[in-house]
N, C-alpha and C. Protein backbone atom coordinates (compact mmCIF):
# COMPACT_ATOMS: atom_id res chain seq x y z
N MET A 1 -69.48 172.89 -6.88
CA MET A 1 -70.78 172.41 -6.51
C MET A 1 -70.62 171.45 -5.34
N LYS A 2 -71.41 171.66 -4.30
CA LYS A 2 -71.41 170.76 -3.15
C LYS A 2 -72.53 169.74 -3.30
N ILE A 3 -72.16 168.46 -3.18
CA ILE A 3 -73.11 167.37 -3.31
C ILE A 3 -73.22 166.65 -1.98
N LEU A 4 -74.43 166.51 -1.51
CA LEU A 4 -74.72 165.74 -0.31
C LEU A 4 -75.07 164.32 -0.74
N GLY A 5 -74.27 163.35 -0.34
CA GLY A 5 -74.55 161.95 -0.63
C GLY A 5 -75.18 161.31 0.60
N ILE A 6 -76.24 160.53 0.40
CA ILE A 6 -76.93 159.93 1.54
C ILE A 6 -77.23 158.46 1.28
N ASP A 7 -76.87 157.64 2.27
CA ASP A 7 -77.26 156.23 2.32
C ASP A 7 -78.25 156.14 3.49
N PRO A 8 -79.56 156.12 3.19
CA PRO A 8 -80.56 156.19 4.26
C PRO A 8 -80.72 154.89 5.03
N GLY A 9 -81.11 155.02 6.27
CA GLY A 9 -81.41 153.88 7.13
C GLY A 9 -82.05 154.37 8.40
N MET A 10 -82.64 153.47 9.16
CA MET A 10 -83.22 153.85 10.44
C MET A 10 -82.16 153.87 11.53
N ALA A 11 -81.33 152.84 11.60
CA ALA A 11 -80.29 152.77 12.62
C ALA A 11 -79.12 153.68 12.29
N ILE A 12 -78.73 153.70 11.01
CA ILE A 12 -77.59 154.50 10.57
C ILE A 12 -77.91 155.16 9.24
N VAL A 13 -77.71 156.47 9.19
CA VAL A 13 -77.78 157.22 7.94
C VAL A 13 -76.35 157.65 7.63
N GLY A 14 -75.80 157.13 6.56
CA GLY A 14 -74.48 157.57 6.14
C GLY A 14 -74.63 158.82 5.29
N TYR A 15 -73.75 159.80 5.50
CA TYR A 15 -73.81 161.01 4.68
C TYR A 15 -72.41 161.50 4.36
N SER A 16 -72.31 162.24 3.28
CA SER A 16 -71.04 162.84 2.89
C SER A 16 -71.30 164.12 2.12
N ILE A 17 -70.33 164.99 2.17
CA ILE A 17 -70.36 166.23 1.39
C ILE A 17 -69.12 166.20 0.50
N VAL A 18 -69.35 166.21 -0.80
CA VAL A 18 -68.22 166.27 -1.73
C VAL A 18 -68.34 167.54 -2.56
N ASP A 19 -67.19 168.05 -2.94
CA ASP A 19 -67.13 169.21 -3.81
C ASP A 19 -66.73 168.72 -5.20
N PHE A 20 -67.44 169.21 -6.20
CA PHE A 20 -67.17 168.81 -7.59
C PHE A 20 -67.11 170.07 -8.43
N ASP A 21 -65.98 170.27 -9.11
CA ASP A 21 -65.80 171.47 -9.93
C ASP A 21 -66.04 171.20 -11.42
N GLY A 22 -66.63 170.06 -11.72
CA GLY A 22 -66.85 169.67 -13.11
C GLY A 22 -65.81 168.70 -13.59
N LYS A 23 -64.73 168.56 -12.80
CA LYS A 23 -63.64 167.67 -13.18
C LYS A 23 -63.12 166.90 -11.96
N ASN A 24 -62.81 167.62 -10.89
CA ASN A 24 -62.22 167.03 -9.69
C ASN A 24 -63.24 166.87 -8.58
N ILE A 25 -63.05 165.80 -7.79
CA ILE A 25 -63.93 165.51 -6.66
C ILE A 25 -63.11 165.58 -5.38
N GLN A 26 -63.62 166.29 -4.39
CA GLN A 26 -62.93 166.40 -3.11
C GLN A 26 -63.94 166.10 -2.00
N LEU A 27 -63.58 165.20 -1.08
CA LEU A 27 -64.41 164.92 0.08
C LEU A 27 -64.21 166.02 1.11
N LEU A 28 -65.30 166.74 1.41
CA LEU A 28 -65.23 167.82 2.39
C LEU A 28 -65.53 167.32 3.80
N HIS A 29 -66.50 166.42 3.91
CA HIS A 29 -66.91 165.90 5.22
C HIS A 29 -67.72 164.63 5.02
N SER A 30 -67.65 163.75 5.99
CA SER A 30 -68.51 162.57 5.97
C SER A 30 -68.77 162.12 7.39
N GLY A 31 -69.85 161.37 7.56
CA GLY A 31 -70.19 160.90 8.88
C GLY A 31 -71.45 160.07 8.86
N SER A 32 -72.04 159.91 10.04
CA SER A 32 -73.27 159.13 10.13
C SER A 32 -74.17 159.69 11.21
N ILE A 33 -75.45 159.46 11.02
CA ILE A 33 -76.46 159.74 12.03
C ILE A 33 -76.85 158.37 12.57
N ARG A 34 -76.71 158.17 13.86
CA ARG A 34 -77.05 156.88 14.46
C ARG A 34 -78.18 157.07 15.47
N THR A 35 -79.16 156.19 15.37
CA THR A 35 -80.28 156.24 16.30
C THR A 35 -80.29 154.97 17.15
N GLU A 36 -80.82 155.09 18.36
CA GLU A 36 -80.88 153.97 19.30
C GLU A 36 -82.02 153.03 18.97
N LYS A 37 -81.69 151.75 18.87
CA LYS A 37 -82.67 150.73 18.52
C LYS A 37 -83.83 150.67 19.51
N GLY A 38 -83.58 150.88 20.78
CA GLY A 38 -84.62 150.79 21.80
C GLY A 38 -85.60 151.95 21.84
N ASN A 39 -85.28 153.04 21.17
CA ASN A 39 -86.17 154.22 21.17
C ASN A 39 -87.37 153.99 20.26
N ARG A 40 -88.44 154.75 20.53
CA ARG A 40 -89.62 154.71 19.66
C ARG A 40 -89.23 155.13 18.24
N GLU A 41 -89.89 154.55 17.26
CA GLU A 41 -89.59 154.88 15.87
C GLU A 41 -89.79 156.36 15.61
N SER A 42 -90.83 156.94 16.18
CA SER A 42 -91.09 158.37 15.96
C SER A 42 -89.96 159.23 16.52
N ALA A 43 -89.39 158.84 17.65
CA ALA A 43 -88.27 159.58 18.23
C ALA A 43 -87.03 159.45 17.36
N ARG A 44 -86.82 158.27 16.80
CA ARG A 44 -85.67 158.05 15.92
C ARG A 44 -85.82 158.87 14.64
N LEU A 45 -87.02 158.92 14.09
CA LEU A 45 -87.26 159.72 12.88
C LEU A 45 -87.05 161.20 13.15
N LEU A 46 -87.47 161.67 14.32
CA LEU A 46 -87.27 163.07 14.68
C LEU A 46 -85.77 163.37 14.80
N GLU A 47 -85.02 162.44 15.36
CA GLU A 47 -83.57 162.61 15.47
C GLU A 47 -82.94 162.72 14.08
N ILE A 48 -83.36 161.86 13.17
CA ILE A 48 -82.85 161.93 11.79
C ILE A 48 -83.22 163.26 11.16
N PHE A 49 -84.47 163.70 11.35
CA PHE A 49 -84.93 164.97 10.79
C PHE A 49 -84.07 166.12 11.32
N ASN A 50 -83.87 166.18 12.64
CA ASN A 50 -83.10 167.27 13.24
C ASN A 50 -81.64 167.25 12.80
N ASP A 51 -81.03 166.08 12.81
CA ASP A 51 -79.62 165.98 12.41
C ASP A 51 -79.44 166.32 10.93
N MET A 52 -80.35 165.82 10.09
CA MET A 52 -80.24 166.11 8.66
C MET A 52 -80.47 167.60 8.40
N SER A 53 -81.38 168.21 9.14
CA SER A 53 -81.61 169.66 9.01
C SER A 53 -80.34 170.43 9.36
N PHE A 54 -79.66 170.00 10.42
CA PHE A 54 -78.41 170.64 10.84
C PHE A 54 -77.34 170.51 9.75
N ILE A 55 -77.20 169.31 9.19
CA ILE A 55 -76.20 169.06 8.14
C ILE A 55 -76.47 169.94 6.92
N VAL A 56 -77.73 170.01 6.50
CA VAL A 56 -78.09 170.82 5.34
C VAL A 56 -77.81 172.30 5.62
N GLU A 57 -78.15 172.75 6.82
CA GLU A 57 -77.92 174.16 7.17
C GLU A 57 -76.43 174.47 7.24
N LYS A 58 -75.65 173.57 7.81
CA LYS A 58 -74.22 173.80 7.98
C LYS A 58 -73.45 173.78 6.66
N TYR A 59 -73.75 172.79 5.79
CA TYR A 59 -72.95 172.60 4.59
C TYR A 59 -73.56 173.20 3.32
N GLN A 60 -74.83 173.57 3.36
CA GLN A 60 -75.49 174.23 2.23
C GLN A 60 -75.22 173.51 0.90
N PRO A 61 -75.60 172.23 0.78
CA PRO A 61 -75.34 171.53 -0.48
C PRO A 61 -76.17 172.09 -1.63
N ASP A 62 -75.62 171.99 -2.83
CA ASP A 62 -76.33 172.44 -4.03
C ASP A 62 -77.33 171.39 -4.51
N VAL A 63 -76.95 170.11 -4.36
CA VAL A 63 -77.80 168.99 -4.77
C VAL A 63 -77.61 167.85 -3.79
N CYS A 64 -78.51 166.88 -3.87
CA CYS A 64 -78.39 165.67 -3.06
C CYS A 64 -78.52 164.45 -3.94
N ALA A 65 -77.64 163.48 -3.72
CA ALA A 65 -77.73 162.17 -4.35
C ALA A 65 -78.03 161.19 -3.23
N ILE A 66 -79.13 160.46 -3.36
CA ILE A 66 -79.58 159.57 -2.30
C ILE A 66 -79.88 158.18 -2.86
N GLU A 67 -79.63 157.17 -2.04
CA GLU A 67 -79.94 155.81 -2.47
C GLU A 67 -81.45 155.63 -2.56
N LYS A 68 -81.86 155.02 -3.65
CA LYS A 68 -83.27 154.77 -3.91
C LYS A 68 -83.61 153.34 -3.49
N LEU A 69 -84.71 153.19 -2.78
CA LEU A 69 -85.18 151.85 -2.44
C LEU A 69 -85.80 151.23 -3.67
N PHE A 70 -85.40 150.03 -3.97
CA PHE A 70 -85.98 149.37 -5.14
C PHE A 70 -86.42 147.95 -4.83
N PHE A 71 -85.74 147.30 -3.91
CA PHE A 71 -86.08 145.92 -3.55
C PHE A 71 -85.36 145.59 -2.25
N PHE A 72 -86.08 145.00 -1.34
CA PHE A 72 -85.48 144.59 -0.08
C PHE A 72 -85.77 143.14 0.17
N ARG A 73 -84.74 142.39 0.50
CA ARG A 73 -84.94 140.98 0.84
C ARG A 73 -85.58 140.85 2.21
N ASN A 74 -85.19 141.71 3.13
CA ASN A 74 -85.68 141.64 4.50
C ASN A 74 -86.88 142.57 4.66
N GLN A 75 -88.06 141.99 4.66
CA GLN A 75 -89.29 142.79 4.73
C GLN A 75 -89.45 143.52 6.06
N THR A 76 -88.79 143.07 7.11
CA THR A 76 -88.92 143.74 8.41
C THR A 76 -88.15 145.06 8.45
N THR A 77 -87.17 145.24 7.58
CA THR A 77 -86.40 146.49 7.58
C THR A 77 -86.84 147.49 6.52
N VAL A 78 -87.60 147.06 5.55
CA VAL A 78 -87.95 147.96 4.44
C VAL A 78 -88.80 149.15 4.91
N MET A 79 -89.75 148.93 5.78
CA MET A 79 -90.62 150.03 6.21
C MET A 79 -89.86 151.08 7.03
N PRO A 80 -89.08 150.69 8.04
CA PRO A 80 -88.32 151.71 8.77
C PRO A 80 -87.36 152.49 7.88
N VAL A 81 -86.70 151.81 6.95
CA VAL A 81 -85.79 152.50 6.03
C VAL A 81 -86.58 153.47 5.14
N ALA A 82 -87.75 153.04 4.68
CA ALA A 82 -88.59 153.91 3.86
C ALA A 82 -89.05 155.12 4.66
N HIS A 83 -89.37 154.92 5.92
CA HIS A 83 -89.77 156.05 6.77
C HIS A 83 -88.62 157.03 6.95
N ALA A 84 -87.43 156.50 7.23
CA ALA A 84 -86.25 157.36 7.40
C ALA A 84 -85.96 158.13 6.12
N ARG A 85 -86.08 157.44 5.01
CA ARG A 85 -85.85 158.07 3.70
C ARG A 85 -86.87 159.19 3.47
N GLY A 86 -88.11 158.95 3.86
CA GLY A 86 -89.15 159.97 3.72
C GLY A 86 -88.85 161.22 4.53
N VAL A 87 -88.35 161.03 5.74
CA VAL A 87 -87.98 162.17 6.58
C VAL A 87 -86.83 162.95 5.93
N ILE A 88 -85.85 162.23 5.41
CA ILE A 88 -84.71 162.87 4.76
C ILE A 88 -85.17 163.65 3.52
N LEU A 89 -86.02 163.04 2.71
CA LEU A 89 -86.54 163.72 1.52
C LEU A 89 -87.33 164.98 1.90
N THR A 90 -88.03 164.92 3.01
CA THR A 90 -88.77 166.09 3.50
C THR A 90 -87.83 167.24 3.83
N VAL A 91 -86.73 166.93 4.51
CA VAL A 91 -85.74 167.97 4.84
C VAL A 91 -85.17 168.58 3.56
N LEU A 92 -84.85 167.74 2.60
CA LEU A 92 -84.28 168.23 1.34
C LEU A 92 -85.27 169.11 0.59
N GLU A 93 -86.51 168.66 0.51
CA GLU A 93 -87.54 169.43 -0.19
C GLU A 93 -87.80 170.76 0.51
N LYS A 94 -87.86 170.72 1.83
CA LYS A 94 -88.09 171.94 2.62
C LYS A 94 -87.01 172.98 2.35
N ASN A 95 -85.79 172.51 2.05
CA ASN A 95 -84.66 173.40 1.80
C ASN A 95 -84.38 173.61 0.32
N ASN A 96 -85.31 173.18 -0.53
CA ASN A 96 -85.21 173.38 -1.98
C ASN A 96 -83.92 172.82 -2.58
N ILE A 97 -83.52 171.66 -2.11
CA ILE A 97 -82.32 171.01 -2.63
C ILE A 97 -82.74 169.98 -3.68
N PRO A 98 -82.27 170.11 -4.91
CA PRO A 98 -82.59 169.12 -5.94
C PRO A 98 -82.14 167.72 -5.52
N ILE A 99 -83.00 166.74 -5.76
CA ILE A 99 -82.76 165.37 -5.33
C ILE A 99 -82.58 164.46 -6.55
N PHE A 100 -81.51 163.66 -6.52
CA PHE A 100 -81.23 162.69 -7.56
C PHE A 100 -81.09 161.33 -6.88
N GLU A 101 -81.80 160.33 -7.40
CA GLU A 101 -81.86 159.03 -6.75
C GLU A 101 -81.19 157.95 -7.58
N TYR A 102 -80.46 157.06 -6.89
CA TYR A 102 -79.73 155.99 -7.54
C TYR A 102 -79.92 154.68 -6.76
N THR A 103 -80.21 153.61 -7.48
CA THR A 103 -80.27 152.30 -6.83
C THR A 103 -78.85 151.82 -6.58
N PRO A 104 -78.66 150.87 -5.67
CA PRO A 104 -77.32 150.32 -5.47
C PRO A 104 -76.72 149.76 -6.76
N MET A 105 -77.53 149.14 -7.59
CA MET A 105 -77.04 148.59 -8.85
C MET A 105 -76.57 149.71 -9.79
N GLU A 106 -77.29 150.83 -9.82
CA GLU A 106 -76.88 151.97 -10.65
C GLU A 106 -75.56 152.54 -10.15
N VAL A 107 -75.39 152.65 -8.84
CA VAL A 107 -74.13 153.17 -8.29
C VAL A 107 -72.97 152.26 -8.71
N LYS A 108 -73.16 150.96 -8.57
CA LYS A 108 -72.12 150.02 -8.97
C LYS A 108 -71.81 150.12 -10.46
N GLN A 109 -72.85 150.24 -11.26
CA GLN A 109 -72.68 150.35 -12.72
C GLN A 109 -71.91 151.63 -13.07
N ILE A 110 -72.30 152.73 -12.46
CA ILE A 110 -71.66 154.02 -12.75
C ILE A 110 -70.19 154.01 -12.32
N LEU A 111 -69.91 153.49 -11.14
CA LEU A 111 -68.55 153.54 -10.61
C LEU A 111 -67.61 152.50 -11.19
N THR A 112 -68.13 151.29 -11.41
CA THR A 112 -67.23 150.20 -11.83
C THR A 112 -67.49 149.69 -13.24
N GLY A 113 -68.65 150.05 -13.79
CA GLY A 113 -69.00 149.54 -15.11
C GLY A 113 -69.71 148.20 -15.04
N TYR A 114 -69.95 147.71 -13.80
CA TYR A 114 -70.61 146.42 -13.61
C TYR A 114 -71.61 146.53 -12.46
N GLY A 115 -72.88 146.33 -12.75
CA GLY A 115 -73.95 146.50 -11.77
C GLY A 115 -73.96 145.53 -10.62
N ARG A 116 -73.18 144.48 -10.72
CA ARG A 116 -73.12 143.50 -9.63
C ARG A 116 -71.71 143.46 -9.00
N ALA A 117 -71.02 144.59 -9.06
CA ALA A 117 -69.67 144.68 -8.50
C ALA A 117 -69.71 144.44 -6.99
N SER A 118 -68.61 143.99 -6.44
CA SER A 118 -68.51 143.76 -5.00
C SER A 118 -68.31 145.09 -4.26
N LYS A 119 -68.53 145.04 -2.97
CA LYS A 119 -68.32 146.21 -2.13
C LYS A 119 -66.87 146.67 -2.21
N LYS A 120 -65.94 145.72 -2.24
CA LYS A 120 -64.51 146.05 -2.33
C LYS A 120 -64.19 146.78 -3.64
N GLU A 121 -64.81 146.35 -4.74
CA GLU A 121 -64.57 147.01 -6.03
C GLU A 121 -65.10 148.44 -6.01
N VAL A 122 -66.26 148.64 -5.40
CA VAL A 122 -66.82 149.99 -5.28
C VAL A 122 -65.91 150.85 -4.41
N GLU A 123 -65.48 150.29 -3.28
CA GLU A 123 -64.58 151.04 -2.38
C GLU A 123 -63.30 151.45 -3.11
N GLN A 124 -62.76 150.56 -3.93
CA GLN A 124 -61.54 150.86 -4.68
C GLN A 124 -61.78 152.03 -5.64
N MET A 125 -62.92 152.04 -6.30
CA MET A 125 -63.23 153.13 -7.23
C MET A 125 -63.46 154.45 -6.48
N VAL A 126 -64.00 154.39 -5.28
CA VAL A 126 -64.16 155.59 -4.46
C VAL A 126 -62.78 156.14 -4.10
N LYS A 127 -61.87 155.27 -3.68
CA LYS A 127 -60.50 155.70 -3.36
C LYS A 127 -59.84 156.36 -4.58
N ILE A 128 -59.97 155.74 -5.73
CA ILE A 128 -59.38 156.28 -6.95
C ILE A 128 -59.99 157.64 -7.28
N SER A 129 -61.31 157.74 -7.17
CA SER A 129 -62.01 158.99 -7.48
C SER A 129 -61.58 160.13 -6.57
N LEU A 130 -61.34 159.80 -5.30
CA LEU A 130 -60.94 160.82 -4.33
C LEU A 130 -59.42 161.01 -4.27
N GLY A 131 -58.68 160.09 -4.88
CA GLY A 131 -57.22 160.17 -4.82
C GLY A 131 -56.71 159.96 -3.41
N CYS A 132 -57.29 158.97 -2.69
CA CYS A 132 -56.87 158.72 -1.32
C CYS A 132 -56.61 157.23 -1.11
N ASP A 133 -55.96 156.92 0.00
CA ASP A 133 -55.63 155.53 0.31
C ASP A 133 -56.57 154.90 1.33
N THR A 134 -57.24 155.74 2.12
CA THR A 134 -58.11 155.22 3.17
C THR A 134 -59.49 155.85 3.06
N LEU A 135 -60.47 155.12 3.58
CA LEU A 135 -61.86 155.57 3.60
C LEU A 135 -62.39 155.46 5.02
N PRO A 136 -63.50 156.13 5.31
CA PRO A 136 -64.12 155.95 6.63
C PRO A 136 -64.40 154.47 6.88
N LYS A 137 -64.42 154.07 8.14
CA LYS A 137 -64.61 152.66 8.48
C LYS A 137 -66.04 152.18 8.28
N LEU A 138 -67.00 153.04 8.46
CA LEU A 138 -68.41 152.65 8.40
C LEU A 138 -68.89 152.50 6.95
N ASP A 139 -69.41 151.33 6.61
CA ASP A 139 -69.88 151.06 5.24
C ASP A 139 -70.92 152.07 4.77
N ASP A 140 -71.82 152.47 5.68
CA ASP A 140 -72.88 153.41 5.29
C ASP A 140 -72.31 154.75 4.84
N THR A 141 -71.24 155.18 5.49
CA THR A 141 -70.60 156.43 5.12
C THR A 141 -69.90 156.29 3.76
N VAL A 142 -69.19 155.18 3.57
CA VAL A 142 -68.54 154.94 2.28
C VAL A 142 -69.59 154.87 1.17
N ASP A 143 -70.70 154.22 1.45
CA ASP A 143 -71.77 154.13 0.45
C ASP A 143 -72.30 155.52 0.09
N SER A 144 -72.39 156.41 1.08
CA SER A 144 -72.87 157.76 0.79
C SER A 144 -71.90 158.51 -0.13
N ILE A 145 -70.62 158.26 0.05
CA ILE A 145 -69.60 158.88 -0.82
C ILE A 145 -69.74 158.33 -2.23
N ALA A 146 -69.93 157.02 -2.34
CA ALA A 146 -70.10 156.39 -3.66
C ALA A 146 -71.33 156.95 -4.37
N ILE A 147 -72.39 157.18 -3.62
CA ILE A 147 -73.63 157.73 -4.19
C ILE A 147 -73.38 159.16 -4.69
N ALA A 148 -72.67 159.96 -3.90
CA ALA A 148 -72.36 161.34 -4.31
C ALA A 148 -71.48 161.34 -5.57
N ILE A 149 -70.49 160.48 -5.60
CA ILE A 149 -69.62 160.40 -6.78
C ILE A 149 -70.42 159.95 -8.00
N SER A 150 -71.38 159.07 -7.80
CA SER A 150 -72.22 158.61 -8.91
C SER A 150 -72.93 159.78 -9.57
N PHE A 151 -73.39 160.73 -8.78
CA PHE A 151 -74.02 161.91 -9.37
C PHE A 151 -73.07 162.62 -10.31
N THR A 152 -71.81 162.77 -9.91
CA THR A 152 -70.85 163.52 -10.73
C THR A 152 -70.59 162.85 -12.07
N ARG A 153 -70.85 161.55 -12.16
CA ARG A 153 -70.58 160.79 -13.39
C ARG A 153 -71.84 160.44 -14.16
N SER A 154 -72.94 160.97 -13.75
CA SER A 154 -74.22 160.63 -14.39
C SER A 154 -74.67 161.72 -15.34
N HIS A 155 -75.64 161.39 -16.16
CA HIS A 155 -76.23 162.39 -17.06
C HIS A 155 -76.93 163.47 -16.25
N ASN A 156 -77.32 163.15 -15.00
CA ASN A 156 -77.97 164.15 -14.14
C ASN A 156 -77.06 165.35 -13.89
N ALA A 157 -75.77 165.08 -13.68
CA ALA A 157 -74.83 166.16 -13.43
C ALA A 157 -74.70 167.05 -14.65
N LEU A 158 -74.61 166.44 -15.82
CA LEU A 158 -74.50 167.22 -17.06
C LEU A 158 -75.73 168.11 -17.25
N GLU A 159 -76.90 167.55 -17.02
CA GLU A 159 -78.14 168.31 -17.15
C GLU A 159 -78.19 169.44 -16.12
N TYR A 160 -77.76 169.14 -14.90
CA TYR A 160 -77.78 170.14 -13.84
C TYR A 160 -76.84 171.29 -14.16
N PHE A 161 -75.64 170.97 -14.66
CA PHE A 161 -74.67 172.01 -15.01
C PHE A 161 -75.18 172.91 -16.13
N LYS A 162 -75.97 172.35 -17.04
CA LYS A 162 -76.54 173.16 -18.14
C LYS A 162 -77.52 174.19 -17.60
N LYS A 163 -78.20 173.87 -16.50
CA LYS A 163 -79.24 174.75 -15.95
C LYS A 163 -78.67 175.88 -15.11
N VAL A 164 -77.48 175.65 -14.50
CA VAL A 164 -76.93 176.67 -13.61
C VAL A 164 -75.90 177.55 -14.28
């Protein structure tokens, strides 16, 4: 099963494709979509839409695990992130990809057993899960991998496997 993990944002969308056979997790690809701050918001959203459409077409994921917005301290960034997330959800829905959403606290809880774990603790669990020593440098990309791995360890994966 191919899982598309997404950490949505307006400036940077982190994404990853992991393969999960019910037991083992393998990172197939990861990267980011970056938009220019000086461009119109509508142009940036179109760029996210086009790039996400390309990723979905190229990798043909079976499901998507995406970060869910639940609370933002910075009110100036919540709307653009919500807009970017909406564009991403539209691409997924258009391509009939099942969507599973996780808050950052849920990802931390699933991966480390503690909902307030540090970024370093989450990164360590991602390395262990993938059986690797290094991760991509960009936090957004690493977060997308953590989100994808969270799906594999959640009740959502068990329910999904029962249906297919």
